[in-house]
C-alpha atoms as a PDB file:
ATOM      1  CA  GLY A   1     -11.322  -7.348  -7.794  1.00  0.00           C
ATOM      2  CA  LEU A   2     -10.535  -3.581  -8.359  1.00  0.00           C
ATOM      3  CA  ILE A   3      -8.079  -4.383 -11.121  1.00  0.00           C
ATOM      4  CA  ALA A   4     -10.494  -6.518 -13.020  1.00  0.00           C
ATOM      5  CA  GLY A   5     -12.991  -3.501 -12.848  1.00  0.00           C
ATOM      6  CA  CYS A   6     -15.223  -5.024 -10.184  1.00  0.00           C
ATOM      7  CA  ILE A   7     -16.830  -2.783  -7.542  1.00  0.00           C
ATOM      8  CA  PRO A   8     -15.740  -4.103  -4.256  1.00  0.00           C
ATOM      9  CA  VAL A   9     -17.963  -4.776  -1.206  1.00  0.00           C
ATOM     10  CA  PHE A  10     -16.134  -4.204   1.993  1.00  0.00           C
ATOM     11  CA  PHE A  11     -17.396  -5.202   5.614  1.00  0.00           C
ATOM     12  CA  ARG A  12     -14.610  -3.647   7.748  1.00  0.00           C
ATOM     13  CA  ASN A  13     -12.848  -0.281   7.388  1.00  0.00           C
ATOM     14  CA  ASP A  14      -9.473  -2.006   7.968  1.00  0.00           C
ATOM     15  CA  SER A  15      -9.963  -4.289   5.014  1.00  0.00           C
ATOM     16  CA  ALA A  16      -9.068  -1.729   2.460  1.00  0.00           C
ATOM     17  CA  TYR A  17      -9.951   1.762   3.477  1.00  0.00           C
ATOM     18  CA  GLU A  18      -7.430   1.980   6.198  1.00  0.00           C
ATOM     19  CA  GLN A  19      -4.648  -0.123   4.589  1.00  0.00           C
ATOM     20  CA  TYR A  20      -4.452   1.425   1.158  1.00  0.00           C
ATOM     21  CA  THR A  21      -4.650   5.050   1.989  1.00  0.00           C
ATOM     22  CA  TRP A  22      -1.891   5.813  -0.361  1.00  0.00           C
ATOM     23  CA  HIS A  23      -3.606   4.094  -3.336  1.00  0.00           C
ATOM     24  CA  LEU A  24      -7.284   4.607  -2.971  1.00  0.00           C
ATOM     25  CA  PRO A  25      -9.187   7.811  -2.909  1.00  0.00           C
ATOM     26  CA  SER A  26     -10.352   9.223   0.505  1.00  0.00           C
ATOM     27  CA  ASP A  27     -14.119   9.066  -0.549  1.00  0.00           C
ATOM     28  CA  PRO A  28     -14.656   5.235  -0.696  1.00  0.00           C
ATOM     29  CA  GLU A  29     -18.368   5.573  -1.485  1.00  0.00           C
ATOM     30  CA  THR A  30     -17.390   6.734  -4.944  1.00  0.00           C
ATOM     31  CA  TYR A  31     -15.941   3.287  -5.951  1.00  0.00           C
ATOM     32  CA  SER A  32     -16.940   0.658  -3.329  1.00  0.00           C
ATOM     33  CA  VAL A  33     -19.823  -0.561  -1.240  1.00  0.00           C
ATOM     34  CA  PHE A  34     -19.476  -0.758   2.522  1.00  0.00           C
ATOM     35  CA  ILE A  35     -21.752  -2.909   4.637  1.00  0.00           C
ATOM     36  CA  GLU A  36     -21.056  -3.103   8.316  1.00  0.00           C
ATOM     37  CA  GLU A  37     -20.120  -6.316   9.549  1.00  0.00           C
ATOM     38  CA  GLU A  38     -22.182  -5.933  12.574  1.00  0.00           C
ATOM     39  CA  ARG A  39     -25.372  -5.425  10.534  1.00  0.00           C
ATOM     40  CA  LEU A  40     -24.861  -8.779   9.031  1.00  0.00           C
ATOM     41  CA  VAL A  41     -23.794 -10.867  12.083  1.00  0.00           C
ATOM     42  CA  ASN A  42     -24.810  -9.337  15.179  1.00  0.00           C
ATOM     43  CA  SER A  43     -28.114  -7.929  14.357  1.00  0.00           C
ATOM     44  CA  THR A  44     -31.567  -8.972  15.457  1.00  0.00           C
ATOM     45  CA  LYS A  45     -32.701  -8.427  11.898  1.00  0.00           C
ATOM     46  CA  PRO A  46     -29.605  -8.965   9.676  1.00  0.00           C
ATOM     47  CA  LEU A  47     -29.214  -7.302   6.307  1.00  0.00           C
ATOM     48  CA  LYS A  48     -29.207  -9.236   3.073  1.00  0.00           C
ATOM     49  CA  ILE A  49     -26.225  -8.373   1.073  1.00  0.00           C
ATOM     50  CA  GLU A  50     -28.106  -8.876  -2.312  1.00  0.00           C
ATOM     51  CA  GLY A  51     -30.827  -6.422  -0.915  1.00  0.00           C
ATOM     52  CA  VAL A  52     -28.047  -3.778  -0.338  1.00  0.00           C
ATOM     53  CA  LEU A  53     -26.474  -4.248  -3.663  1.00  0.00           C
ATOM     54  CA  SER A  54     -29.658  -4.264  -5.646  1.00  0.00           C
ATOM     55  CA  SER A  55     -30.518  -0.922  -4.121  1.00  0.00           C
ATOM     56  CA  TYR A  56     -27.739   0.744  -6.352  1.00  0.00           C
ATOM     57  CA  SER A  57     -29.217   2.495  -9.338  1.00  0.00           C
ATOM     58  CA  GLN A  58     -27.613   1.784 -12.838  1.00  0.00           C
ATOM     59  CA  GLU A  59     -26.408   5.317 -12.874  1.00  0.00           C
ATOM     60  CA  LYS A  60     -24.428   5.007  -9.516  1.00  0.00           C
ATOM     61  CA  ILE A  61     -22.985   1.708 -10.510  1.00  0.00           C
ATOM     62  CA  LYS A  62     -21.770   3.457 -13.884  1.00  0.00           C
ATOM     63  CA  LYS A  63     -20.140   6.190 -11.754  1.00  0.00           C
ATOM     64  CA  MET A  64     -18.463   3.790  -9.562  1.00  0.00           C
ATOM     65  CA  ARG A  65     -16.992   1.928 -12.318  1.00  0.00           C
ATOM     66  CA  GLU A  66     -15.723   5.151 -13.922  1.00  0.00           C
ATOM     67  CA  LYS A  67     -14.230   5.971 -10.664  1.00  0.00           C
ATOM     68  CA  ILE A  68     -12.442   2.510 -10.721  1.00  0.00           C
ATOM     69  CA  VAL A  69     -11.035   3.076 -14.200  1.00  0.00           C
ATOM     70  CA  GLU A  70      -9.682   6.478 -13.128  1.00  0.00           C
ATOM     71  CA  ILE A  71      -7.918   4.973  -9.937  1.00  0.00           C
ATOM     72  CA  LEU A  72      -6.438   1.915 -11.859  1.00  0.00           C
ATOM     73  CA  PRO A  73      -3.066   3.423 -12.405  1.00  0.00           C
ATOM     74  CA  SER A  74      -2.515   3.844  -8.672  1.00  0.00           C
ATOM     75  CA  LEU A  75      -3.219   0.079  -8.194  1.00  0.00           C
ATOM     76  CA  LEU A  76      -0.995  -1.308 -10.981  1.00  0.00           C
ATOM     77  CA  TYR A  77       2.882  -1.498 -11.123  1.00  0.00           C
ATOM     78  CA  MET A  78       3.788  -0.676 -14.673  1.00  0.00           C
ATOM     79  CA  ASN A  79       5.732   1.763 -16.664  1.00  0.00           C
ATOM     80  CA  PHE A  80       3.728   4.529 -18.122  1.00  0.00           C
ATOM     81  CA  ALA A  81       6.512   5.855 -20.341  1.00  0.00           C
ATOM     82  CA  ASP A  82       5.250   6.522 -23.930  1.00  0.00           C
ATOM     83  CA  LYS A  83       6.796   4.468 -26.834  1.00  0.00           C
ATOM     84  CA  ASP A  84       9.325   6.954 -27.682  1.00  0.00           C
ATOM     85  CA  GLY A  85      10.922   6.573 -24.232  1.00  0.00           C
ATOM     86  CA  GLY A  86       9.402  10.082 -23.018  1.00  0.00           C
ATOM     87  CA  GLU A  87       7.859  10.539 -19.671  1.00  0.00           C
ATOM     88  CA  SER A  88       4.153  10.291 -19.088  1.00  0.00           C
ATOM     89  CA  PHE A  89       2.252  12.011 -16.216  1.00  0.00           C
ATOM     90  CA  ALA A  90       0.348   8.890 -14.976  1.00  0.00           C
ATOM     91  CA  LYS A  91       1.590   7.636 -11.788  1.00  0.00           C
ATOM     92  CA  ASP A  92       1.625   3.910 -10.786  1.00  0.00           C
ATOM     93  CA  ALA A  93       1.386   2.061  -7.522  1.00  0.00           C
ATOM     94  CA  PHE A  94       5.130   2.344  -6.911  1.00  0.00           C
ATOM     95  CA  ASP A  95       4.914   6.174  -7.299  1.00  0.00           C
ATOM     96  CA  PHE A  96       2.006   6.479  -4.932  1.00  0.00           C
ATOM     97  CA  SER A  97       3.891   4.217  -2.272  1.00  0.00           C
ATOM     98  CA  ILE A  98       7.103   6.332  -2.594  1.00  0.00           C
ATOM     99  CA  ASP A  99       5.002   9.509  -2.373  1.00  0.00           C
ATOM    100  CA  GLY A 100       3.268   8.289   0.688  1.00  0.00           C
ATOM    101  CA  MET A 101       6.406   7.213   2.382  1.00  0.00           C
ATOM    102  CA  LEU A 102       8.059  10.603   1.773  1.00  0.00           C
ATOM    103  CA  ARG A 103       4.999  12.269   3.128  1.00  0.00           C
ATOM    104  CA  ARG A 104       5.164  10.268   6.207  1.00  0.00           C
ATOM    105  CA  VAL A 105       8.886  10.763   6.826  1.00  0.00           C
ATOM    106  CA  MET A 106       8.526  14.480   6.312  1.00  0.00           C
ATOM    107  CA  SER A 107       5.612  14.823   8.655  1.00  0.00           C
ATOM    108  CA  ASN A 108       5.958  15.906  12.247  1.00  0.00           C
ATOM    109  CA  ARG A 109       4.148  12.915  13.382  1.00  0.00           C
ATOM    110  CA  PHE A 110       6.983  10.652  12.178  1.00  0.00           C
ATOM    111  CA  TRP A 111       9.744  12.717  13.575  1.00  0.00           C
ATOM    112  CA  ASN A 112       8.081  13.172  16.961  1.00  0.00           C
ATOM    113  CA  ARG A 113       7.967   9.368  17.571  1.00  0.00           C
ATOM    114  CA  LEU A 114      11.896   9.185  17.300  1.00  0.00           C
END
């Protein structure tokens, strides 16, 4: 999905927003569509997915795709060193994972559970 440049559609917060907090921005409406599962299944007047998706303007879709391109490095595992072997400033998914683990270990929340 995201790696191919597709705008993801999620039906539950725990499907991506809560699982990939280290890799995805905290403002999911900038790169994805969220439709509450309850509004599709347990509603007297269920939503039509096509109706929700077609309500997005071309400008909004363009901005969402630009955001996806911006966050792609955080989803990929790759070496961003330049051809001369020098360092590049882009972080990949590994860097984001390590940073997230270090923040968690250094937080009081982690130490208070021990």
